[in-house]
Protein backbone atom coordinates (compact mmCIF):
# COMPACT_ATOMS: atom_id res chain seq x y z
CA UNK A 1 14.13 45.39 13.39
CA UNK A 2 11.41 44.73 15.95
CA UNK A 3 8.80 44.26 13.21
CA UNK A 4 10.95 41.75 11.32
CA UNK A 5 11.52 39.72 14.51
CA UNK A 6 7.75 39.61 15.06
CA UNK A 7 7.23 38.37 11.48
CA UNK A 8 9.92 35.71 11.88
CA UNK A 9 8.45 34.56 15.19
CA UNK A 10 4.96 34.38 13.69
CA UNK A 11 6.24 32.37 10.71
CA UNK A 12 8.05 29.91 12.98
CA UNK A 13 4.94 29.54 15.15
CA UNK A 14 2.80 28.74 12.11
CA UNK A 15 5.28 26.11 10.91
CA UNK A 16 5.44 24.46 14.35
CA UNK A 17 1.68 24.44 14.81
CA UNK A 18 0.93 23.06 11.35
CA UNK A 19 3.61 20.39 11.66
CA UNK A 20 1.90 19.06 14.79
CA UNK A 21 -1.66 19.19 13.46
CA UNK A 22 -3.59 15.99 14.15
CA UNK A 23 -4.20 13.57 11.30
CA UNK A 24 -7.66 13.73 9.74
CA UNK A 25 -9.80 10.89 11.22
CA UNK A 26 -10.65 9.49 7.74
CA UNK A 27 -6.98 9.34 6.81
CA UNK A 28 -6.12 7.79 10.17
CA UNK A 29 -8.78 5.10 9.62
CA UNK A 30 -7.24 4.28 6.23
CA UNK A 31 -3.76 4.20 7.77
CA UNK A 32 -5.07 1.77 10.39
CA UNK A 33 -6.33 -0.48 7.56
CA UNK A 34 -2.78 -0.57 6.20
CA UNK A 35 -1.12 -1.03 9.61
CA UNK A 36 -3.57 -2.69 12.05
CA UNK A 37 -0.85 -3.18 14.69
CA UNK A 38 0.09 0.51 14.73
CA UNK A 39 -0.47 2.44 17.93
CA UNK A 40 0.33 5.84 16.38
CA UNK A 41 0.90 7.60 13.08
CA UNK A 42 3.05 10.67 12.50
CA UNK A 43 1.65 13.59 10.54
CA UNK A 44 2.61 13.58 6.87
CA UNK A 45 6.08 15.03 6.46
CA UNK A 46 9.39 14.56 4.67
CA UNK A 47 10.57 14.30 1.12
CA UNK A 48 8.81 12.49 -0.38
CA UNK A 49 5.79 13.24 1.83
CA UNK A 50 4.83 10.23 3.97
CA UNK A 51 3.24 9.07 7.20
CA UNK A 52 5.09 6.78 9.61
CA UNK A 53 3.23 3.92 11.28
CA UNK A 54 4.54 3.18 14.75
CA UNK A 55 3.99 0.56 17.43
CA UNK A 56 5.43 2.33 20.44
CA UNK A 57 8.84 3.48 19.23
CA UNK A 58 9.10 0.75 16.57
CA UNK A 59 8.65 1.79 12.95
CA UNK A 60 6.18 -0.56 11.26
CA UNK A 61 6.31 1.15 7.90
CA UNK A 62 5.43 4.13 5.76
CA UNK A 63 2.32 5.28 3.95
CA UNK A 64 2.12 7.71 1.08
CA UNK A 65 -0.20 8.98 -1.63
CA UNK A 66 0.53 7.86 -5.17
CA UNK A 67 -0.73 11.22 -6.44
CA UNK A 68 1.98 13.03 -4.48
CA UNK A 69 4.83 10.78 -5.60
CA UNK A 70 3.65 10.09 -9.16
CA UNK A 71 1.49 13.15 -9.93
CA UNK A 72 1.58 12.75 -13.70
CA UNK A 73 0.27 9.17 -13.74
CA UNK A 74 -3.21 9.26 -15.26
CA UNK A 75 -5.81 6.57 -15.77
CA UNK A 76 -8.68 6.65 -18.25
CA UNK A 77 -10.37 9.63 -16.57
CA UNK A 78 -7.61 11.25 -14.52
CA UNK A 79 -5.49 10.34 -11.50
CA UNK A 80 -6.48 7.59 -9.08
CA UNK A 81 -5.71 8.65 -5.49
CA UNK A 82 -4.29 5.64 -3.67
CA UNK A 83 -2.84 5.42 -0.17
CA UNK A 84 -0.03 2.84 -0.15
CA UNK A 85 1.42 1.16 2.94
CA UNK A 86 4.92 -0.33 2.85
CA UNK A 87 6.98 -2.00 5.56
CA UNK A 88 10.65 -1.24 6.19
CA UNK A 89 11.75 -4.07 3.86
CA UNK A 90 9.93 -2.73 0.80
CA UNK A 91 6.93 -5.07 1.03
CA UNK A 92 3.48 -3.53 0.60
CA UNK A 93 1.15 -3.88 3.57
CA UNK A 94 -1.78 -2.88 1.39
CA UNK A 95 -3.43 -0.11 -0.59
CA UNK A 96 -6.60 1.93 -0.19
CA UNK A 97 -8.19 3.48 -3.28
CA UNK A 98 -9.53 6.76 -1.92
CA UNK A 99 -10.68 8.65 -5.02
CA UNK A 100 -11.09 8.05 -8.73
CA UNK A 101 -13.34 9.02 -11.62
CA UNK A 102 -13.03 5.86 -13.68
CA UNK A 103 -16.08 4.74 -15.67
CA UNK A 104 -15.39 1.07 -14.82
CA UNK A 105 -14.26 1.68 -11.24
CA UNK A 106 -16.90 -0.56 -9.70
CA UNK A 107 -15.46 -3.44 -11.71
CA UNK A 108 -11.77 -2.70 -11.33
CA UNK A 109 -9.99 -0.40 -8.88
CA UNK A 110 -12.86 -0.21 -6.36
CA UNK A 111 -13.05 -3.91 -5.62
CA UNK A 112 -11.56 -5.56 -2.55
CA UNK A 113 -9.90 -8.05 -4.90
CA UNK A 114 -7.98 -5.31 -6.67
CA UNK A 115 -6.59 -3.93 -3.41
CA UNK A 116 -5.86 -7.31 -1.83
CA UNK A 117 -3.57 -8.45 -4.64
CA UNK A 118 -1.02 -5.81 -3.64
CA UNK A 119 -0.73 -6.93 0.00
CA UNK A 120 2.61 -8.74 0.38
CA UNK A 121 3.93 -7.59 -2.99
CA UNK A 122 7.58 -6.53 -3.00
CA UNK A 123 8.77 -3.36 -4.69
CA UNK A 124 10.97 -5.68 -6.75
CA UNK A 125 7.92 -7.37 -8.33
CA UNK A 126 6.94 -6.48 -11.89
CA UNK A 127 3.43 -5.09 -11.19
CA UNK A 128 2.53 -6.14 -14.73
CA UNK A 129 -1.16 -6.42 -15.61
CA UNK A 130 -1.93 -9.90 -16.86
CA UNK A 131 1.15 -11.33 -15.17
CA UNK A 132 1.21 -10.55 -11.44
CA UNK A 133 -1.71 -8.08 -11.41
CA UNK A 134 -5.24 -9.12 -12.42
CA UNK A 135 -7.43 -6.85 -14.54
CA UNK A 136 -11.01 -6.65 -15.70
CA UNK A 137 -11.15 -6.59 -19.51
CA UNK A 138 -12.89 -3.22 -19.90
CA UNK A 139 -10.81 -1.53 -17.18
CA UNK A 140 -7.30 -2.30 -18.38
CA UNK A 141 -6.26 1.36 -18.68
CA UNK A 142 -7.39 2.08 -15.11
CA UNK A 143 -5.77 -1.01 -13.63
CA UNK A 144 -2.53 -0.53 -15.57
CA UNK A 145 -2.26 3.11 -14.51
CA UNK A 146 -3.07 2.33 -10.86
CA UNK A 147 -0.56 -0.54 -10.80
CA UNK A 148 2.15 1.62 -12.35
CA UNK A 149 1.44 4.45 -9.86
CA UNK A 150 1.64 2.01 -6.93
CA UNK A 151 4.86 0.43 -8.20
CA UNK A 152 6.62 3.68 -9.10
CA UNK A 153 5.65 5.55 -5.93
CA UNK A 154 6.62 2.58 -3.72
CA UNK A 155 9.99 2.27 -5.43
CA UNK A 156 10.61 6.02 -5.12
CA UNK A 157 9.66 6.01 -1.43
CA UNK A 158 11.85 2.97 -0.76
CA UNK A 159 14.80 4.45 -2.60
CA UNK A 160 14.61 7.73 -0.68
CA UNK A 161 13.33 6.64 2.73
CA UNK A 162 14.43 3.07 3.45
CA UNK A 163 17.93 1.90 4.19
CA UNK A 164 19.33 -0.77 1.93
CA UNK A 165 19.90 -4.18 3.50
CA UNK A 166 23.57 -4.94 4.17
CA UNK A 167 25.29 -6.77 1.34
CA UNK A 168 26.36 -10.30 2.14
């Protein structure tokens, strides 16, 4: 009995300590790019996993990894790891492409122009390459996959984490 209580206590202590671990400085810098007005970010938690951006006690929005919400989405040469920021109304505050292995990345998903076109985009938008998302001709597979991952993960996060506006 005494041994099992010790094991339970140790397990609870590990959970508490890991839940309060500080955010990696690189991740925090990327979160700050998505939410410049934020004064704090919560550690990643919840279902789906997400960070909360706060200004004091006010929730500014959520951030999440596309690869955690849409893990099967693949581009030309594998997944593109993107950190997405979204406000509480389902409008993207921006994206940060953190990792990819695309052969045309320097001409497509790595550019500031690619990322900036998602700022202000609503989860209700189409995210259709050639319509409301620009693409570089040789990088269409990469851009289409990244756009779909951003759209699908943002919609999933909104559906599960944001409250619907009251009907009028």
